[in-house]
N, C-alpha and C. Protein backbone atom coordinates (compact mmCIF):
# COMPACT_ATOMS: atom_id res chain seq x y z
N MET A 1 0.69 -1.44 -0.13
CA MET A 1 -0.01 0.05 -0.04
C MET A 1 0.72 1.29 -0.11
N LYS A 2 0.74 2.18 -1.02
CA LYS A 2 1.58 3.04 -1.25
C LYS A 2 0.76 4.52 -0.48
N ILE A 3 1.45 4.95 0.53
CA ILE A 3 0.56 6.16 1.01
C ILE A 3 1.09 7.55 0.38
N ASN A 4 0.13 8.56 0.28
CA ASN A 4 0.39 9.73 -0.22
C ASN A 4 1.01 10.53 0.98
N ASN A 5 1.89 10.50 1.41
CA ASN A 5 2.61 11.33 2.68
C ASN A 5 2.28 13.30 2.48
N HIS A 6 2.41 13.51 1.31
CA HIS A 6 2.34 14.70 0.78
C HIS A 6 0.77 15.34 1.28
N PHE A 7 -0.26 14.17 1.03
CA PHE A 7 -1.47 14.40 1.71
C PHE A 7 -1.89 14.06 2.92
N TYR A 8 -1.34 13.29 3.48
CA TYR A 8 -1.50 12.71 4.80
C TYR A 8 -0.07 12.98 5.54
N GLN A 9 -0.29 14.17 6.09
CA GLN A 9 1.21 14.20 6.57
C GLN A 9 1.02 13.99 8.19
N TYR A 10 1.14 12.72 8.39
CA TYR A 10 1.12 12.16 9.66
C TYR A 10 1.93 10.73 9.80
N ASN A 11 2.28 10.45 11.18
CA ASN A 11 2.80 9.16 11.19
C ASN A 11 2.06 7.94 11.18
N PHE A 12 2.21 7.03 10.54
CA PHE A 12 1.34 5.70 10.10
C PHE A 12 2.20 4.45 10.77
N GLU A 13 1.15 3.66 11.50
CA GLU A 13 1.73 2.91 12.08
C GLU A 13 1.03 1.47 11.18
N ILE A 14 1.41 0.70 10.27
CA ILE A 14 0.79 -0.01 9.53
C ILE A 14 1.02 -1.38 10.09
N LYS A 15 -0.41 -1.89 10.08
CA LYS A 15 -0.33 -3.37 10.36
C LYS A 15 -0.94 -4.31 9.44
N GLU A 16 -0.27 -5.45 9.41
CA GLU A 16 -0.52 -6.19 8.26
C GLU A 16 -1.99 -7.23 8.90
N GLN A 17 -2.99 -7.64 8.42
CA GLN A 17 -3.83 -8.38 9.14
C GLN A 17 -4.29 -9.50 7.83
N VAL A 18 -4.34 -10.64 8.10
CA VAL A 18 -4.55 -11.72 7.27
C VAL A 18 -6.19 -11.80 7.42
N THR A 19 -6.74 -11.87 6.38
CA THR A 19 -8.07 -12.31 6.42
C THR A 19 -8.59 -13.61 6.06
N ASP A 20 -10.06 -14.26 6.01
CA ASP A 20 -10.43 -15.26 5.93
C ASP A 20 -9.84 -16.05 4.82
N ASN A 21 -9.78 -15.17 3.89
CA ASN A 21 -9.24 -15.88 2.62
C ASN A 21 -7.87 -15.61 2.31
N ASN A 22 -7.23 -15.63 3.28
CA ASN A 22 -5.48 -15.22 3.37
C ASN A 22 -5.12 -14.13 2.46
N GLN A 23 -5.97 -13.10 2.28
CA GLN A 23 -5.62 -11.91 1.93
C GLN A 23 -4.85 -10.98 2.78
N ILE A 24 -3.82 -10.33 2.42
CA ILE A 24 -3.06 -9.48 3.56
C ILE A 24 -3.60 -7.90 3.24
N THR A 25 -4.60 -7.39 4.54
CA THR A 25 -4.85 -6.01 4.48
C THR A 25 -3.99 -5.24 5.17
N ALA A 26 -3.72 -3.84 4.81
CA ALA A 26 -2.88 -3.02 5.75
C ALA A 26 -4.02 -2.35 6.43
N THR A 27 -3.69 -2.29 7.76
CA THR A 27 -4.86 -1.15 8.39
C THR A 27 -3.94 0.03 9.01
N THR A 28 -4.25 0.94 9.38
CA THR A 28 -3.87 2.08 10.29
C THR A 28 -4.43 2.20 11.62
N ASP A 29 -3.58 2.90 12.20
CA ASP A 29 -4.20 3.27 13.82
C ASP A 29 -4.55 4.91 13.76
N ASN A 30 -4.21 5.55 12.71
CA ASN A 30 -3.96 7.06 12.47
C ASN A 30 -5.27 7.37 12.77
N ILE A 31 -5.27 8.24 13.65
CA ILE A 31 -6.74 8.85 14.23
C ILE A 31 -7.30 9.73 13.21
N ALA A 32 -6.81 10.59 12.20
CA ALA A 32 -7.45 11.54 11.11
C ALA A 32 -8.20 10.50 10.05
N ILE A 33 -7.29 9.29 10.06
CA ILE A 33 -8.14 8.42 8.97
C ILE A 33 -8.93 7.58 9.61
N LYS A 34 -8.96 7.23 10.67
CA LYS A 34 -10.13 6.39 11.60
C LYS A 34 -11.16 7.53 11.29
N ASN A 35 -11.24 8.63 11.71
CA ASN A 35 -12.52 9.90 11.82
C ASN A 35 -12.86 9.94 10.31
N GLN A 36 -12.14 10.06 9.36
CA GLN A 36 -12.54 10.28 8.22
C GLN A 36 -13.32 9.00 7.42
N LYS A 37 -12.97 7.94 8.09
CA LYS A 37 -13.78 6.75 7.70
C LYS A 37 -15.02 7.06 8.26
N ILE A 38 -15.21 7.34 9.45
CA ILE A 38 -16.44 7.27 10.53
C ILE A 38 -17.15 8.41 9.30
N LEU A 39 -16.80 9.66 9.17
CA LEU A 39 -17.41 10.55 8.37
C LEU A 39 -17.99 10.01 7.06
N PHE A 40 -17.19 9.23 6.46
CA PHE A 40 -17.56 8.65 5.13
C PHE A 40 -18.70 7.60 5.35
N ASP A 41 -18.61 6.86 6.50
CA ASP A 41 -19.75 5.74 6.52
C ASP A 41 -20.77 6.55 6.89
N GLY A 42 -20.75 7.46 7.58
CA GLY A 42 -22.03 8.34 8.05
C GLY A 42 -22.88 8.94 7.03
N LEU A 43 -22.02 9.27 5.62
CA LEU A 43 -22.45 9.85 4.57
C LEU A 43 -23.14 8.79 3.70
N ILE A 44 -22.24 7.57 3.68
CA ILE A 44 -22.90 6.51 2.74
C ILE A 44 -24.28 5.95 3.50
N LYS A 45 -24.38 6.09 4.80
CA LYS A 45 -25.50 5.68 5.64
C LYS A 45 -26.66 6.67 5.02
N ASN A 46 -26.46 8.12 5.54
CA ASN A 46 -27.31 8.79 4.91
C ASN A 46 -27.83 9.06 3.68
N LEU A 47 -27.00 8.67 2.64
CA LEU A 47 -27.36 8.57 1.37
C LEU A 47 -28.25 7.45 1.01
N SER A 48 -27.97 6.09 1.68
CA SER A 48 -28.56 5.12 1.38
C SER A 48 -30.11 5.30 2.20
N GLN A 49 -30.14 6.06 3.10
CA GLN A 49 -31.56 6.28 3.41
C GLN A 49 -32.14 7.32 2.95
N HIS A 50 -31.55 8.12 2.20
CA HIS A 50 -32.33 9.30 1.25
C HIS A 50 -32.87 8.24 0.15
N THR A 51 -32.19 7.76 -0.44
CA THR A 51 -32.47 7.14 -1.86
C THR A 51 -33.66 6.11 -1.45
N HIS A 52 -33.68 5.32 -0.28
CA HIS A 52 -34.57 4.51 0.28
C HIS A 52 -35.89 5.23 0.24
N GLN A 53 -35.67 6.70 0.76
CA GLN A 53 -37.04 7.15 1.02
C GLN A 53 -37.73 7.52 -0.17
N ILE A 54 -36.77 7.93 -1.38
CA ILE A 54 -37.34 8.14 -2.55
C ILE A 54 -37.81 7.09 -3.28
N ASP A 55 -37.26 5.82 -3.06
CA ASP A 55 -37.89 4.70 -3.39
C ASP A 55 -39.18 4.74 -2.87
N LYS A 56 -39.46 4.86 -1.62
CA LYS A 56 -40.79 4.74 -1.21
C LYS A 56 -41.97 5.72 -1.50
N ASP A 57 -41.44 7.11 -1.81
CA ASP A 57 -42.24 8.04 -2.42
C ASP A 57 -42.59 7.78 -3.64
N GLU A 58 -42.01 7.02 -4.43
CA GLU A 58 -42.32 6.80 -5.83
C GLU A 58 -43.59 6.11 -6.02
């Protein structure tokens, strides 16, 4: 995994985790990235609720 250090100017701690099907995924303990993921997950949740509401209205 190549990290764009110019964009993320933080110290990363990369951990390799083996998944069930033996693929290696890299994870990070970086707080900024975690917060960004939480915001992104929230955005996806809101969008999916919004589209679900549109489907109901039609």
